[in-house]
Amino acid sequence: MVREADVLVGYDTYPHIDEYERSVESVDLLAKILDGKLKPTKALSQPPMLPALQAQFTGRHPMTKLLDEAHKMEQLPGFEAVTVAAGFPWSDIKEASMSFIVVTNNDQKQADALAQELSDLAWSIRRDFLVKPMPVRDALKRVKAAKEGPIVLADIGDNPGGGTPCDSTFVIKAVLEEGLTGGVFGVIWDLVAAAKAARAGPGNEIEVNLGGHTDRLHGKPIRVKAHVKSVSDGQWLVKGPMGTGSLTEMDLTAVLNVAGNDLIVTPFASSPSTLSYIEARE
């Protein structure tokens, strides 16, 4: 990919909230190429690392250390773009890895040197990328003891952006068994439940086997009694900061209230990556 492209520009942020800035940067680089002011030379270096997503957040160490170094490099004469790509750990390809891409202006030696420098830096702090996830029940006990919110429980293992079905029932089952009420919300892919809610209509009660329909890896369906809060076509504009202005289309979508908790049930698997989901459920 690096060899065939003229220039590659990756996000500086995870979550990806700098789409506009990176688009402007890409267009500026293209203009310099077309004007004959830039002859891009590229280098790729990959340390043998594949960090967990929890460690990839760019608002804290260790990612901030790598990004700070990359931004310093971009200020050096002849250096055009530096990308720090932490790598997607669930990619089903052998090349999946943390990657560093350096683009210089007709200076392959410098590009190679700085890409390797970043790779060596990442390897030197590799232990800082280790994570120890909190078990669901322990997390829910902390939620119950919390004095204020909001609190986010991110089921990153059932992320449809990584190919999973988005119908895991492990977290919602634990939420119900722990007796948490009054504000928990989540997204579950379940076209049968969405259709049943639509037939019943807002304000009515339904009983459904929710989620867990795809395989044995994401929990079993749970039988719930639910109040249908709303039914919609599942279309709304994202207000950001990630994907600002884009149109989300989830098709026939219902909001079910189960024991005081709101569940967005949709026939289209979708990652709740923006607070617009909360507004959309009202």
C-alpha atoms as a PDB file:
ATOM      1  CA  MET A   1       0.000   0.000   0.000  1.00  0.00           C
ATOM      2  CA  VAL A   2       2.800   2.410   0.863  1.00  0.00           C
ATOM      3  CA  ARG A   3       4.705   1.510  -2.278  1.00  0.00           C
ATOM      4  CA  GLU A   4       1.787   2.062  -4.641  1.00  0.00           C
ATOM      5  CA  ALA A   5       0.426   5.298  -3.127  1.00  0.00           C
ATOM      6  CA  ASP A   6       1.937   8.726  -3.787  1.00  0.00           C
ATOM      7  CA  VAL A   7       1.260   9.823  -0.195  1.00  0.00           C
ATOM      8  CA  LEU A   8      -0.511   8.253   2.768  1.00  0.00           C
ATOM      9  CA  VAL A   9      -1.943  10.426   5.525  1.00  0.00           C
ATOM     10  CA  GLY A  10      -3.376   8.704   8.587  1.00  0.00           C
ATOM     11  CA  TYR A  11      -5.470  10.075  11.429  1.00  0.00           C
ATOM     12  CA  ASP A  12      -3.653  11.756  14.303  1.00  0.00           C
ATOM     13  CA  THR A  13      -6.452  10.937  16.713  1.00  0.00           C
ATOM     14  CA  TYR A  14      -8.134   7.858  18.110  1.00  0.00           C
ATOM     15  CA  PRO A  15     -11.081   8.099  18.214  1.00  0.00           C
ATOM     16  CA  HIS A  16     -10.834   9.634  14.736  1.00  0.00           C
ATOM     17  CA  ILE A  17     -12.030  13.205  15.266  1.00  0.00           C
ATOM     18  CA  ASP A  18      -9.565  14.925  12.917  1.00  0.00           C
ATOM     19  CA  GLU A  19     -11.066  13.848   9.591  1.00  0.00           C
ATOM     20  CA  TYR A  20     -11.359  17.438   8.344  1.00  0.00           C
ATOM     21  CA  GLU A  21      -7.798  18.381   9.311  1.00  0.00           C
ATOM     22  CA  ARG A  22      -6.282  15.308   7.678  1.00  0.00           C
ATOM     23  CA  SER A  23      -8.349  15.898   4.537  1.00  0.00           C
ATOM     24  CA  VAL A  24      -6.981  19.447   4.279  1.00  0.00           C
ATOM     25  CA  GLU A  25      -3.462  18.134   4.820  1.00  0.00           C
ATOM     26  CA  SER A  26      -3.922  15.556   2.044  1.00  0.00           C
ATOM     27  CA  VAL A  27      -5.198  18.152  -0.430  1.00  0.00           C
ATOM     28  CA  ASP A  28      -2.306  20.483   0.414  1.00  0.00           C
ATOM     29  CA  LEU A  29       0.182  17.687  -0.272  1.00  0.00           C
ATOM     30  CA  LEU A  30      -1.552  16.852  -3.551  1.00  0.00           C
ATOM     31  CA  ALA A  31      -1.334  20.493  -4.623  1.00  0.00           C
ATOM     32  CA  LYS A  32       2.407  20.547  -3.920  1.00  0.00           C
ATOM     33  CA  ILE A  33       2.862  17.382  -6.003  1.00  0.00           C
ATOM     34  CA  LEU A  34       0.893  18.841  -8.925  1.00  0.00           C
ATOM     35  CA  ASP A  35       2.861  22.107  -8.708  1.00  0.00           C
ATOM     36  CA  GLY A  36       6.115  20.172  -8.869  1.00  0.00           C
ATOM     37  CA  LYS A  37       7.173  21.309  -5.399  1.00  0.00           C
ATOM     38  CA  LEU A  38       7.022  17.845  -3.836  1.00  0.00           C
ATOM     39  CA  LYS A  39       8.545  14.579  -4.973  1.00  0.00           C
ATOM     40  CA  PRO A  40       7.319  12.254  -2.222  1.00  0.00           C
ATOM     41  CA  THR A  41       9.644   9.592  -0.886  1.00  0.00           C
ATOM     42  CA  LYS A  42       8.097   7.220   1.634  1.00  0.00           C
ATOM     43  CA  ALA A  43       9.241   4.854   4.319  1.00  0.00           C
ATOM     44  CA  LEU A  44       7.369   2.279   6.395  1.00  0.00           C
ATOM     45  CA  SER A  45       8.574   0.756   9.631  1.00  0.00           C
ATOM     46  CA  GLN A  46       6.664  -1.763  11.747  1.00  0.00           C
ATOM     47  CA  PRO A  47       7.778  -2.907  15.189  1.00  0.00           C
ATOM     48  CA  PRO A  48       6.512  -6.386  16.180  1.00  0.00           C
ATOM     49  CA  MET A  49       3.667  -4.908  18.221  1.00  0.00           C
ATOM     50  CA  LEU A  50      -0.132  -5.009  18.039  1.00  0.00           C
ATOM     51  CA  PRO A  51      -1.453  -2.898  20.934  1.00  0.00           C
ATOM     52  CA  ALA A  52      -4.904  -3.401  22.410  1.00  0.00           C
ATOM     53  CA  LEU A  53      -7.407  -0.718  21.467  1.00  0.00           C
ATOM     54  CA  GLN A  54      -7.628   0.514  25.064  1.00  0.00           C
ATOM     55  CA  ALA A  55      -3.981   1.595  24.838  1.00  0.00           C
ATOM     56  CA  GLN A  56      -4.426   3.369  21.503  1.00  0.00           C
ATOM     57  CA  PHE A  57      -6.325   6.395  22.847  1.00  0.00           C
ATOM     58  CA  THR A  58      -4.332   9.408  21.618  1.00  0.00           C
ATOM     59  CA  GLY A  59      -5.226  11.638  24.554  1.00  0.00           C
ATOM     60  CA  ARG A  60      -2.784  10.018  26.974  1.00  0.00           C
ATOM     61  CA  HIS A  61       0.513   8.175  27.267  1.00  0.00           C
ATOM     62  CA  PRO A  62       1.887   6.122  25.569  1.00  0.00           C
ATOM     63  CA  MET A  63       0.340   7.298  22.276  1.00  0.00           C
ATOM     64  CA  THR A  64       0.989  10.959  23.112  1.00  0.00           C
ATOM     65  CA  LYS A  65       4.718  10.247  23.302  1.00  0.00           C
ATOM     66  CA  LEU A  66       4.768   8.792  19.799  1.00  0.00           C
ATOM     67  CA  LEU A  67       2.591  11.544  18.343  1.00  0.00           C
ATOM     68  CA  ASP A  68       4.673  14.300  19.948  1.00  0.00           C
ATOM     69  CA  GLU A  69       7.767  12.872  18.279  1.00  0.00           C
ATOM     70  CA  ALA A  70       5.968  12.553  14.958  1.00  0.00           C
ATOM     71  CA  HIS A  71       4.810  16.178  15.081  1.00  0.00           C
ATOM     72  CA  LYS A  72       8.348  17.347  15.848  1.00  0.00           C
ATOM     73  CA  MET A  73       9.580  15.461  12.788  1.00  0.00           C
ATOM     74  CA  GLU A  74       6.977  17.153  10.598  1.00  0.00           C
ATOM     75  CA  GLN A  75       8.545  20.499  11.472  1.00  0.00           C
ATOM     76  CA  LEU A  76      11.963  19.470  10.132  1.00  0.00           C
ATOM     77  CA  PRO A  77      12.995  20.765   6.683  1.00  0.00           C
ATOM     78  CA  GLY A  78      12.000  18.377   3.914  1.00  0.00           C
ATOM     79  CA  PHE A  79       9.583  16.349   6.023  1.00  0.00           C
ATOM     80  CA  GLU A  80       6.021  16.454   4.720  1.00  0.00           C
ATOM     81  CA  ALA A  81       3.886  13.961   6.676  1.00  0.00           C
ATOM     82  CA  VAL A  82       4.346  11.462   9.478  1.00  0.00           C
ATOM     83  CA  THR A  83       1.677   8.915  10.352  1.00  0.00           C
ATOM     84  CA  VAL A  84       1.478   6.919  13.570  1.00  0.00           C
ATOM     85  CA  ALA A  85      -0.893   4.002  12.985  1.00  0.00           C
ATOM     86  CA  ALA A  86      -1.337   1.944  16.132  1.00  0.00           C
ATOM     87  CA  GLY A  87      -2.806  -0.991  14.196  1.00  0.00           C
ATOM     88  CA  PHE A  88      -6.165  -2.750  14.355  1.00  0.00           C
ATOM     89  CA  PRO A  89      -5.683  -5.865  16.505  1.00  0.00           C
ATOM     90  CA  TRP A  90      -8.636  -7.716  14.963  1.00  0.00           C
ATOM     91  CA  SER A  91      -7.501  -7.323  11.375  1.00  0.00           C
ATOM     92  CA  ASP A  92      -7.472 -10.711   9.695  1.00  0.00           C
ATOM     93  CA  ILE A  93      -4.256 -10.053   7.785  1.00  0.00           C
ATOM     94  CA  LYS A  94      -0.698 -11.083   8.542  1.00  0.00           C
ATOM     95  CA  GLU A  95       0.590  -7.520   8.058  1.00  0.00           C
ATOM     96  CA  ALA A  96      -1.467  -6.130  10.962  1.00  0.00           C
ATOM     97  CA  SER A  97       0.927  -4.216  13.186  1.00  0.00           C
ATOM     98  CA  MET A  98       1.742  -0.825  14.609  1.00  0.00           C
ATOM     99  CA  SER A  99       3.068   1.152  11.651  1.00  0.00           C
ATOM    100  CA  PHE A 100       4.986   4.357  11.058  1.00  0.00           C
ATOM    101  CA  ILE A 101       4.904   6.076   7.660  1.00  0.00           C
ATOM    102  CA  VAL A 102       7.221   8.984   6.943  1.00  0.00           C
ATOM    103  CA  VAL A 103       6.975  11.084   3.788  1.00  0.00           C
ATOM    104  CA  THR A 104       9.875  13.337   2.811  1.00  0.00           C
ATOM    105  CA  ASN A 105      10.605  15.532  -0.183  1.00  0.00           C
ATOM    106  CA  ASN A 106      12.950  13.480  -2.367  1.00  0.00           C
ATOM    107  CA  ASP A 107      15.016  12.140   0.542  1.00  0.00           C
ATOM    108  CA  GLN A 108      14.594   8.395   0.958  1.00  0.00           C
ATOM    109  CA  LYS A 109      17.480   8.068   3.412  1.00  0.00           C
ATOM    110  CA  GLN A 110      15.926  10.522   5.854  1.00  0.00           C
ATOM    111  CA  ALA A 111      12.505   8.961   5.490  1.00  0.00           C
ATOM    112  CA  ASP A 112      13.928   5.520   6.286  1.00  0.00           C
ATOM    113  CA  ALA A 113      15.903   6.839   9.262  1.00  0.00           C
ATOM    114  CA  LEU A 114      13.018   8.628  10.968  1.00  0.00           C
ATOM    115  CA  ALA A 115      10.522   5.838  10.347  1.00  0.00           C
ATOM    116  CA  GLN A 116      12.946   3.453  12.060  1.00  0.00           C
ATOM    117  CA  GLU A 117      13.512   5.968  14.857  1.00  0.00           C
ATOM    118  CA  LEU A 118       9.797   6.020  15.627  1.00  0.00           C
ATOM    119  CA  SER A 119       9.627   2.251  15.450  1.00  0.00           C
ATOM    120  CA  ASP A 120      12.497   1.930  17.913  1.00  0.00           C
ATOM    121  CA  LEU A 121      10.849   4.425  20.262  1.00  0.00           C
ATOM    122  CA  ALA A 122       7.605   2.428  20.264  1.00  0.00           C
ATOM    123  CA  TRP A 123       9.481  -0.786  20.992  1.00  0.00           C
ATOM    124  CA  SER A 124      11.339   0.861  23.883  1.00  0.00           C
ATOM    125  CA  ILE A 125       8.032   1.712  25.620  1.00  0.00           C
ATOM    126  CA  ARG A 126       6.182  -1.442  24.556  1.00  0.00           C
ATOM    127  CA  ARG A 127       5.300  -2.421  28.127  1.00  0.00           C
ATOM    128  CA  ASP A 128       3.376   0.838  28.503  1.00  0.00           C
ATOM    129  CA  PHE A 129       0.900  -0.533  25.956  1.00  0.00           C
ATOM    130  CA  LEU A 130      -0.073  -3.512  28.126  1.00  0.00           C
ATOM    131  CA  VAL A 131      -3.636  -3.380  29.435  1.00  0.00           C
ATOM    132  CA  LYS A 132      -5.614  -5.250  32.060  1.00  0.00           C
ATOM    133  CA  PRO A 133      -9.328  -5.014  31.248  1.00  0.00           C
ATOM    134  CA  MET A 134     -11.767  -4.894  34.148  1.00  0.00           C
ATOM    135  CA  PRO A 135     -14.261  -7.789  34.322  1.00  0.00           C
ATOM    136  CA  VAL A 136     -17.829  -6.755  33.536  1.00  0.00           C
ATOM    137  CA  ARG A 137     -19.217  -7.492  36.996  1.00  0.00           C
ATOM    138  CA  ASP A 138     -16.452  -5.507  38.697  1.00  0.00           C
ATOM    139  CA  ALA A 139     -17.138  -2.602  36.362  1.00  0.00           C
ATOM    140  CA  LEU A 140     -20.851  -2.683  37.121  1.00  0.00           C
ATOM    141  CA  LYS A 141     -20.175  -2.664  40.858  1.00  0.00           C
ATOM    142  CA  ARG A 142     -18.162   0.521  40.356  1.00  0.00           C
ATOM    143  CA  VAL A 143     -21.021   1.960  38.343  1.00  0.00           C
ATOM    144  CA  LYS A 144     -23.448   1.249  41.180  1.00  0.00           C
ATOM    145  CA  ALA A 145     -21.104   2.924  43.675  1.00  0.00           C
ATOM    146  CA  ALA A 146     -20.432   5.987  41.508  1.00  0.00           C
ATOM    147  CA  LYS A 147     -21.644   9.342  42.815  1.00  0.00           C
ATOM    148  CA  GLU A 148     -21.897  10.985  39.390  1.00  0.00           C
ATOM    149  CA  GLY A 149     -21.950  10.194  35.675  1.00  0.00           C
ATOM    150  CA  PRO A 150     -21.960   9.659  32.812  1.00  0.00           C
ATOM    151  CA  ILE A 151     -20.086   6.364  32.781  1.00  0.00           C
ATOM    152  CA  VAL A 152     -19.230   4.564  29.547  1.00  0.00           C
ATOM    153  CA  LEU A 153     -18.959   0.781  29.376  1.00  0.00           C
ATOM    154  CA  ALA A 154     -17.564   0.124  25.933  1.00  0.00           C
ATOM    155  CA  ASP A 155     -18.017  -3.423  24.669  1.00  0.00           C
ATOM    156  CA  ILE A 156     -15.108  -3.155  22.254  1.00  0.00           C
ATOM    157  CA  GLY A 157     -15.213  -6.911  21.691  1.00  0.00           C
ATOM    158  CA  ASP A 158     -18.552  -6.682  19.877  1.00  0.00           C
ATOM    159  CA  ASN A 159     -17.581  -3.894  17.507  1.00  0.00           C
ATOM    160  CA  PRO A 160     -19.255  -4.302  14.097  1.00  0.00           C
ATOM    161  CA  GLY A 161     -16.474  -2.147  12.652  1.00  0.00           C
ATOM    162  CA  GLY A 162     -14.268  -5.168  13.297  1.00  0.00           C
ATOM    163  CA  GLY A 163     -16.674  -7.665  11.790  1.00  0.00           C
ATOM    164  CA  THR A 164     -18.650  -8.785  14.831  1.00  0.00           C
ATOM    165  CA  PRO A 165     -22.463  -9.022  14.748  1.00  0.00           C
ATOM    166  CA  CYS A 166     -23.313  -6.313  17.329  1.00  0.00           C
ATOM    167  CA  ASP A 167     -25.762  -8.624  19.082  1.00  0.00           C
ATOM    168  CA  SER A 168     -23.784  -9.582  22.185  1.00  0.00           C
ATOM    169  CA  THR A 169     -25.896  -9.985  25.311  1.00  0.00           C
ATOM    170  CA  PHE A 170     -23.163 -10.358  27.929  1.00  0.00           C
ATOM    171  CA  VAL A 171     -23.187  -6.741  29.120  1.00  0.00           C
ATOM    172  CA  ILE A 172     -26.930  -6.101  29.045  1.00  0.00           C
ATOM    173  CA  LYS A 173     -27.551  -9.438  30.806  1.00  0.00           C
ATOM    174  CA  ALA A 174     -25.126  -8.441  33.551  1.00  0.00           C
ATOM    175  CA  VAL A 175     -26.700  -4.962  33.778  1.00  0.00           C
ATOM    176  CA  LEU A 176     -30.141  -6.472  34.313  1.00  0.00           C
ATOM    177  CA  GLU A 177     -28.911  -9.049  36.810  1.00  0.00           C
ATOM    178  CA  GLU A 178     -27.106  -6.353  38.801  1.00  0.00           C
ATOM    179  CA  GLY A 179     -30.322  -4.351  38.922  1.00  0.00           C
ATOM    180  CA  LEU A 180     -28.974  -1.218  37.221  1.00  0.00           C
ATOM    181  CA  THR A 181     -31.718   1.086  35.987  1.00  0.00           C
ATOM    182  CA  GLY A 182     -32.412   4.571  34.819  1.00  0.00           C
ATOM    183  CA  GLY A 183     -30.124   5.534  31.989  1.00  0.00           C
ATOM    184  CA  VAL A 184     -28.134   2.624  30.612  1.00  0.00           C
ATOM    185  CA  PHE A 185     -28.364   2.495  26.852  1.00  0.00           C
ATOM    186  CA  GLY A 186     -26.874   0.355  24.157  1.00  0.00           C
ATOM    187  CA  VAL A 187     -27.200  -0.771  20.553  1.00  0.00           C
ATOM    188  CA  ILE A 188     -28.204  -4.326  19.608  1.00  0.00           C
ATOM    189  CA  TRP A 189     -28.574  -5.724  16.098  1.00  0.00           C
ATOM    190  CA  ASP A 190     -31.853  -7.624  16.060  1.00  0.00           C
ATOM    191  CA  LEU A 191     -34.118  -7.187  13.044  1.00  0.00           C
ATOM    192  CA  VAL A 192     -36.793  -9.510  14.470  1.00  0.00           C
ATOM    193  CA  ALA A 193     -37.101  -7.488  17.681  1.00  0.00           C
ATOM    194  CA  ALA A 194     -37.109  -4.204  15.736  1.00  0.00           C
ATOM    195  CA  ALA A 195     -39.898  -5.458  13.477  1.00  0.00           C
ATOM    196  CA  LYS A 196     -41.949  -6.710  16.438  1.00  0.00           C
ATOM    197  CA  ALA A 197     -41.595  -3.345  18.162  1.00  0.00           C
ATOM    198  CA  ALA A 198     -42.695  -1.567  14.995  1.00  0.00           C
ATOM    199  CA  ARG A 199     -45.799  -3.738  14.748  1.00  0.00           C
ATOM    200  CA  ALA A 200     -46.690  -3.079  18.389  1.00  0.00           C
ATOM    201  CA  GLY A 201     -46.048   0.649  18.094  1.00  0.00           C
ATOM    202  CA  PRO A 202     -44.766   3.247  20.593  1.00  0.00           C
ATOM    203  CA  GLY A 203     -46.322   3.101  24.036  1.00  0.00           C
ATOM    204  CA  ASN A 204     -46.964  -0.631  23.961  1.00  0.00           C
ATOM    205  CA  GLU A 205     -45.314  -3.580  25.644  1.00  0.00           C
ATOM    206  CA  ILE A 206     -43.639  -6.479  23.879  1.00  0.00           C
ATOM    207  CA  GLU A 207     -41.799  -9.632  24.893  1.00  0.00           C
ATOM    208  CA  VAL A 208     -38.835 -10.713  22.762  1.00  0.00           C
ATOM    209  CA  ASN A 209     -35.746 -12.891  22.680  1.00  0.00           C
ATOM    210  CA  LEU A 210     -33.154 -10.166  22.326  1.00  0.00           C
ATOM    211  CA  GLY A 211     -29.716 -10.527  20.719  1.00  0.00           C
ATOM    212  CA  GLY A 212     -27.405 -13.537  20.714  1.00  0.00           C
ATOM    213  CA  HIS A 213     -28.727 -14.875  17.412  1.00  0.00           C
ATOM    214  CA  THR A 214     -25.537 -15.008  15.343  1.00  0.00           C
ATOM    215  CA  ASP A 215     -23.258 -17.535  17.031  1.00  0.00           C
ATOM    216  CA  ARG A 216     -22.209 -18.964  20.396  1.00  0.00           C
ATOM    217  CA  LEU A 217     -19.477 -16.393  20.961  1.00  0.00           C
ATOM    218  CA  HIS A 218     -21.645 -13.419  21.889  1.00  0.00           C
ATOM    219  CA  GLY A 219     -23.997 -14.812  24.507  1.00  0.00           C
ATOM    220  CA  LYS A 220     -27.425 -16.390  24.317  1.00  0.00           C
ATOM    221  CA  PRO A 221     -30.645 -14.524  23.482  1.00  0.00           C
ATOM    222  CA  ILE A 222     -32.224 -13.029  26.580  1.00  0.00           C
ATOM    223  CA  ARG A 223     -35.971 -13.003  27.086  1.00  0.00           C
ATOM    224  CA  VAL A 224     -37.110  -9.510  28.051  1.00  0.00           C
ATOM    225  CA  LYS A 225     -40.284  -7.554  28.516  1.00  0.00           C
ATOM    226  CA  ALA A 226     -39.859  -4.147  26.951  1.00  0.00           C
ATOM    227  CA  HIS A 227     -41.720  -0.876  26.613  1.00  0.00           C
ATOM    228  CA  VAL A 228     -41.561   0.477  23.059  1.00  0.00           C
ATOM    229  CA  LYS A 229     -40.456   4.096  23.446  1.00  0.00           C
ATOM    230  CA  SER A 230     -40.170   4.968  19.774  1.00  0.00           C
ATOM    231  CA  VAL A 231     -39.938   3.599  16.240  1.00  0.00           C
ATOM    232  CA  SER A 232     -38.151   5.415  13.420  1.00  0.00           C
ATOM    233  CA  ASP A 233     -36.474   4.981  10.055  1.00  0.00           C
ATOM    234  CA  GLY A 234     -33.102   5.117  11.808  1.00  0.00           C
ATOM    235  CA  GLN A 235     -31.826   8.140   9.889  1.00  0.00           C
ATOM    236  CA  TRP A 236     -30.096  11.030  11.611  1.00  0.00           C
ATOM    237  CA  LEU A 237     -27.210  13.420  11.101  1.00  0.00           C
ATOM    238  CA  VAL A 238     -24.082  12.923  13.155  1.00  0.00           C
ATOM    239  CA  LYS A 239     -23.209  16.071  15.083  1.00  0.00           C
ATOM    240  CA  GLY A 240     -19.713  14.973  15.904  1.00  0.00           C
ATOM    241  CA  PRO A 241     -17.014  15.145  16.873  1.00  0.00           C
ATOM    242  CA  MET A 242     -16.442  11.929  14.876  1.00  0.00           C
ATOM    243  CA  GLY A 243     -18.024  11.782  11.426  1.00  0.00           C
ATOM    244  CA  THR A 244     -19.576  15.231  11.771  1.00  0.00           C
ATOM    245  CA  GLY A 245     -22.266  15.900   9.170  1.00  0.00           C
ATOM    246  CA  SER A 246     -22.505  12.332   7.920  1.00  0.00           C
ATOM    247  CA  LEU A 247     -25.856  10.613   7.624  1.00  0.00           C
ATOM    248  CA  THR A 248     -26.418   7.502   9.718  1.00  0.00           C
ATOM    249  CA  GLU A 249     -28.908   5.074   8.173  1.00  0.00           C
ATOM    250  CA  MET A 250     -29.891   2.153  10.373  1.00  0.00           C
ATOM    251  CA  ASP A 251     -33.249   1.381   8.709  1.00  0.00           C
ATOM    252  CA  LEU A 252     -36.251   0.418  10.860  1.00  0.00           C
ATOM    253  CA  THR A 253     -35.099   1.166  14.407  1.00  0.00           C
ATOM    254  CA  ALA A 254     -36.844   0.886  17.751  1.00  0.00           C
ATOM    255  CA  VAL A 255     -35.926   2.176  21.189  1.00  0.00           C
ATOM    256  CA  LEU A 256     -36.920  -0.329  23.849  1.00  0.00           C
ATOM    257  CA  ASN A 257     -36.955   0.392  27.549  1.00  0.00           C
ATOM    258  CA  VAL A 258     -36.025  -2.726  29.490  1.00  0.00           C
ATOM    259  CA  ALA A 259     -36.132  -2.437  33.288  1.00  0.00           C
ATOM    260  CA  GLY A 260     -35.430   1.285  33.059  1.00  0.00           C
ATOM    261  CA  ASN A 261     -32.659   0.960  30.474  1.00  0.00           C
ATOM    262  CA  ASP A 262     -32.864   2.106  26.862  1.00  0.00           C
ATOM    263  CA  LEU A 263     -31.776  -0.257  24.093  1.00  0.00           C
ATOM    264  CA  ILE A 264     -31.573   0.854  20.467  1.00  0.00           C
ATOM    265  CA  VAL A 265     -32.615  -2.178  18.422  1.00  0.00           C
ATOM    266  CA  THR A 266     -31.754  -2.027  14.753  1.00  0.00           C
ATOM    267  CA  PRO A 267     -31.566  -4.329  11.703  1.00  0.00           C
ATOM    268  CA  PHE A 268     -28.286  -2.642  10.718  1.00  0.00           C
ATOM    269  CA  ALA A 269     -25.216  -3.281  12.880  1.00  0.00           C
ATOM    270  CA  SER A 270     -23.778   0.048  13.907  1.00  0.00           C
ATOM    271  CA  SER A 271     -21.076   1.255  16.307  1.00  0.00           C
ATOM    272  CA  PRO A 272     -22.293   3.845  18.843  1.00  0.00           C
ATOM    273  CA  SER A 273     -19.344   6.128  18.185  1.00  0.00           C
ATOM    274  CA  THR A 274     -21.052   9.459  18.782  1.00  0.00           C
ATOM    275  CA  LEU A 275     -23.257  11.086  21.405  1.00  0.00           C
ATOM    276  CA  SER A 276     -25.783  11.650  18.606  1.00  0.00           C
ATOM    277  CA  TYR A 277     -27.028   8.161  19.448  1.00  0.00           C
ATOM    278  CA  ILE A 278     -28.297   9.470  22.758  1.00  0.00           C
ATOM    279  CA  GLU A 279     -30.167  12.309  21.070  1.00  0.00           C
ATOM    280  CA  ALA A 280     -31.533   9.942  18.437  1.00  0.00           C
ATOM    281  CA  ARG A 281     -33.101   7.689  21.050  1.00  0.00           C
ATOM    282  CA  GLU A 282     -35.177  10.479  22.594  1.00  0.00           C
END
